[in-house]
Amino acid sequence: MTNKKKVILTEDDLAIQDAIKMILQSAGYAVTVFSNGDNLVKGNYDIPDLFILDKQLSGVDGLDVCSLIKNKPDTAKVPIIIISASPQVAPAAFKAGANAFLEKPFKRREMLELVNGLIT
């Protein structure tokens, strides 16, 4: 069995979800996809090597989920990328504890460079 790095992607737009999942899987990552933040808020997940959170999730704000993850001792050091179509979100993303911000739409190479840089 290969020891793939694990990524949890939380994105409610199915097209974007599929695109990111394909990009990451083709690069050799194991991807778990959630369509909303419920599982993350409740702690119903295996701790990954990286979280990718959409800012605009149905039901819960991605920045709130980011803060929650960063304030839990077992996940505080796990890197988080916040993705959003709005570049104005970047300062709030970093304030919430995100390690990186990626503006939609993004290029495949841009996503992979960011992910590869955060997962060592």
C-alpha atoms as a PDB file:
ATOM      1  CA  MET A   1       0.000   0.000   0.000  1.00  0.00           C
ATOM      2  CA  THR A   2       1.287   3.431  -0.896  1.00  0.00           C
ATOM      3  CA  ASN A   3       1.403   6.097   1.723  1.00  0.00           C
ATOM      4  CA  LYS A   4      -0.418   8.870  -0.116  1.00  0.00           C
ATOM      5  CA  LYS A   5      -0.693  12.305   1.429  1.00  0.00           C
ATOM      6  CA  LYS A   6      -4.292  12.995   2.431  1.00  0.00           C
ATOM      7  CA  VAL A   7      -6.238  16.128   1.518  1.00  0.00           C
ATOM      8  CA  ILE A   8      -9.711  17.068   2.742  1.00  0.00           C
ATOM      9  CA  LEU A   9     -11.489  19.271   0.217  1.00  0.00           C
ATOM     10  CA  THR A  10     -14.590  21.126   1.376  1.00  0.00           C
ATOM     11  CA  GLU A  11     -16.344  22.745  -1.573  1.00  0.00           C
ATOM     12  CA  ASP A  12     -20.073  22.959  -2.335  1.00  0.00           C
ATOM     13  CA  ASP A  13     -19.780  23.643  -6.081  1.00  0.00           C
ATOM     14  CA  LEU A  14     -19.729  20.187  -7.689  1.00  0.00           C
ATOM     15  CA  ALA A  15     -17.869  21.300 -10.826  1.00  0.00           C
ATOM     16  CA  ILE A  16     -15.076  22.923  -8.803  1.00  0.00           C
ATOM     17  CA  GLN A  17     -15.086  19.957  -6.413  1.00  0.00           C
ATOM     18  CA  ASP A  18     -14.559  17.540  -9.313  1.00  0.00           C
ATOM     19  CA  ALA A  19     -11.861  19.694 -10.920  1.00  0.00           C
ATOM     20  CA  ILE A  20      -9.814  20.016  -7.723  1.00  0.00           C
ATOM     21  CA  LYS A  21     -10.261  16.342  -6.887  1.00  0.00           C
ATOM     22  CA  MET A  22      -8.995  15.336 -10.365  1.00  0.00           C
ATOM     23  CA  ILE A  23      -6.011  17.708 -10.142  1.00  0.00           C
ATOM     24  CA  LEU A  24      -4.979  16.361  -6.740  1.00  0.00           C
ATOM     25  CA  GLN A  25      -5.613  12.690  -7.487  1.00  0.00           C
ATOM     26  CA  SER A  26      -3.633  12.894 -10.727  1.00  0.00           C
ATOM     27  CA  ALA A  27      -0.750  14.292  -8.650  1.00  0.00           C
ATOM     28  CA  GLY A  28      -0.944  11.286  -6.311  1.00  0.00           C
ATOM     29  CA  TYR A  29      -2.919  12.672  -3.379  1.00  0.00           C
ATOM     30  CA  ALA A  30      -5.740  10.824  -1.591  1.00  0.00           C
ATOM     31  CA  VAL A  31      -8.715  13.202  -1.551  1.00  0.00           C
ATOM     32  CA  THR A  32     -11.742  13.165   0.731  1.00  0.00           C
ATOM     33  CA  VAL A  33     -14.511  15.504  -0.408  1.00  0.00           C
ATOM     34  CA  PHE A  34     -17.153  17.181   1.735  1.00  0.00           C
ATOM     35  CA  SER A  35     -19.889  19.357   0.220  1.00  0.00           C
ATOM     36  CA  ASN A  36     -20.319  21.396   3.407  1.00  0.00           C
ATOM     37  CA  GLY A  37     -18.522  22.067   6.660  1.00  0.00           C
ATOM     38  CA  ASP A  38     -20.692  19.884   8.920  1.00  0.00           C
ATOM     39  CA  ASN A  39     -18.253  16.979   9.203  1.00  0.00           C
ATOM     40  CA  LEU A  40     -15.375  19.347   9.936  1.00  0.00           C
ATOM     41  CA  VAL A  41     -17.327  21.234  12.594  1.00  0.00           C
ATOM     42  CA  LYS A  42     -18.358  17.949  14.251  1.00  0.00           C
ATOM     43  CA  GLY A  43     -14.882  16.433  13.948  1.00  0.00           C
ATOM     44  CA  ASN A  44     -16.131  13.548  11.774  1.00  0.00           C
ATOM     45  CA  TYR A  45     -12.972  13.018   9.729  1.00  0.00           C
ATOM     46  CA  ASP A  46      -9.517  11.482   9.793  1.00  0.00           C
ATOM     47  CA  ILE A  47      -6.872  14.171  10.198  1.00  0.00           C
ATOM     48  CA  PRO A  48      -5.398  14.920   6.760  1.00  0.00           C
ATOM     49  CA  ASP A  49      -2.068  16.392   5.676  1.00  0.00           C
ATOM     50  CA  LEU A  50      -3.914  19.421   4.253  1.00  0.00           C
ATOM     51  CA  PHE A  51      -7.351  21.053   4.304  1.00  0.00           C
ATOM     52  CA  ILE A  52      -8.723  22.973   1.315  1.00  0.00           C
ATOM     53  CA  LEU A  53     -11.767  25.024   2.319  1.00  0.00           C
ATOM     54  CA  ASP A  54     -14.078  27.095   0.178  1.00  0.00           C
ATOM     55  CA  LYS A  55     -14.877  30.412   1.878  1.00  0.00           C
ATOM     56  CA  GLN A  56     -18.549  30.294   0.829  1.00  0.00           C
ATOM     57  CA  LEU A  57     -19.985  27.022   2.119  1.00  0.00           C
ATOM     58  CA  SER A  58     -23.657  26.320   2.559  1.00  0.00           C
ATOM     59  CA  GLY A  59     -24.626  26.505   6.217  1.00  0.00           C
ATOM     60  CA  VAL A  60     -21.248  27.539   7.633  1.00  0.00           C
ATOM     61  CA  ASP A  61     -18.541  30.021   6.682  1.00  0.00           C
ATOM     62  CA  GLY A  62     -15.249  28.486   5.552  1.00  0.00           C
ATOM     63  CA  LEU A  63     -13.347  31.038   7.644  1.00  0.00           C
ATOM     64  CA  ASP A  64     -15.183  29.906  10.788  1.00  0.00           C
ATOM     65  CA  VAL A  65     -14.300  26.293   9.961  1.00  0.00           C
ATOM     66  CA  CYS A  66     -10.676  27.368   9.428  1.00  0.00           C
ATOM     67  CA  SER A  67     -10.545  29.039  12.862  1.00  0.00           C
ATOM     68  CA  LEU A  68     -12.125  25.994  14.470  1.00  0.00           C
ATOM     69  CA  ILE A  69      -9.556  23.627  12.909  1.00  0.00           C
ATOM     70  CA  LYS A  70      -6.642  25.882  13.867  1.00  0.00           C
ATOM     71  CA  ASN A  71      -7.880  26.135  17.478  1.00  0.00           C
ATOM     72  CA  LYS A  72      -8.009  22.360  18.019  1.00  0.00           C
ATOM     73  CA  PRO A  73      -4.732  20.923  19.359  1.00  0.00           C
ATOM     74  CA  ASP A  74      -4.797  17.853  17.079  1.00  0.00           C
ATOM     75  CA  THR A  75      -5.282  19.878  13.875  1.00  0.00           C
ATOM     76  CA  ALA A  76      -3.643  23.206  14.737  1.00  0.00           C
ATOM     77  CA  LYS A  77      -0.535  22.434  12.692  1.00  0.00           C
ATOM     78  CA  VAL A  78      -2.337  21.028   9.627  1.00  0.00           C
ATOM     79  CA  PRO A  79      -2.042  23.529   6.747  1.00  0.00           C
ATOM     80  CA  ILE A  80      -5.201  25.093   5.324  1.00  0.00           C
ATOM     81  CA  ILE A  81      -5.802  26.672   1.921  1.00  0.00           C
ATOM     82  CA  ILE A  82      -8.851  28.928   1.650  1.00  0.00           C
ATOM     83  CA  ILE A  83     -10.283  29.237  -1.864  1.00  0.00           C
ATOM     84  CA  SER A  84     -12.656  31.991  -2.953  1.00  0.00           C
ATOM     85  CA  ALA A  85     -13.726  33.879  -6.053  1.00  0.00           C
ATOM     86  CA  SER A  86     -13.289  37.108  -4.091  1.00  0.00           C
ATOM     87  CA  PRO A  87      -9.713  38.399  -3.657  1.00  0.00           C
ATOM     88  CA  GLN A  88     -10.938  40.603  -0.768  1.00  0.00           C
ATOM     89  CA  VAL A  89     -11.270  37.439   1.327  1.00  0.00           C
ATOM     90  CA  ALA A  90      -7.471  36.935   1.523  1.00  0.00           C
ATOM     91  CA  PRO A  91      -6.770  39.115   4.621  1.00  0.00           C
ATOM     92  CA  ALA A  92      -9.673  37.531   6.542  1.00  0.00           C
ATOM     93  CA  ALA A  93      -8.472  34.053   5.489  1.00  0.00           C
ATOM     94  CA  PHE A  94      -5.022  34.665   6.975  1.00  0.00           C
ATOM     95  CA  LYS A  95      -6.582  36.213  10.082  1.00  0.00           C
ATOM     96  CA  ALA A  96      -8.657  33.018  10.517  1.00  0.00           C
ATOM     97  CA  GLY A  97      -5.415  31.015  10.466  1.00  0.00           C
ATOM     98  CA  ALA A  98      -5.170  29.904   6.829  1.00  0.00           C
ATOM     99  CA  ASN A  99      -1.677  29.118   5.560  1.00  0.00           C
ATOM    100  CA  ALA A 100      -2.545  30.140   1.997  1.00  0.00           C
ATOM    101  CA  PHE A 101      -5.247  31.740  -0.132  1.00  0.00           C
ATOM    102  CA  LEU A 102      -6.124  30.767  -3.691  1.00  0.00           C
ATOM    103  CA  GLU A 103      -8.419  32.885  -5.835  1.00  0.00           C
ATOM    104  CA  LYS A 104     -10.877  31.179  -8.183  1.00  0.00           C
ATOM    105  CA  PRO A 105     -10.520  30.585 -11.028  1.00  0.00           C
ATOM    106  CA  PHE A 106      -7.022  29.192 -10.642  1.00  0.00           C
ATOM    107  CA  LYS A 107      -4.689  27.244 -12.857  1.00  0.00           C
ATOM    108  CA  ARG A 108      -3.848  23.592 -12.231  1.00  0.00           C
ATOM    109  CA  ARG A 109      -0.149  24.417 -11.804  1.00  0.00           C
ATOM    110  CA  GLU A 110      -0.986  27.172  -9.304  1.00  0.00           C
ATOM    111  CA  MET A 111      -3.027  24.750  -7.171  1.00  0.00           C
ATOM    112  CA  LEU A 112      -0.387  22.014  -7.269  1.00  0.00           C
ATOM    113  CA  GLU A 113       2.488  24.377  -6.423  1.00  0.00           C
ATOM    114  CA  LEU A 114       0.572  25.609  -3.400  1.00  0.00           C
ATOM    115  CA  VAL A 115      -0.405  22.103  -2.241  1.00  0.00           C
ATOM    116  CA  ASN A 116       3.084  20.689  -2.822  1.00  0.00           C
ATOM    117  CA  GLY A 117       4.602  23.620  -0.950  1.00  0.00           C
ATOM    118  CA  LEU A 118       2.395  23.078   2.105  1.00  0.00           C
ATOM    119  CA  ILE A 119       2.638  19.289   2.276  1.00  0.00           C
ATOM    120  CA  THR A 120       6.228  18.302   2.959  1.00  0.00           C
END
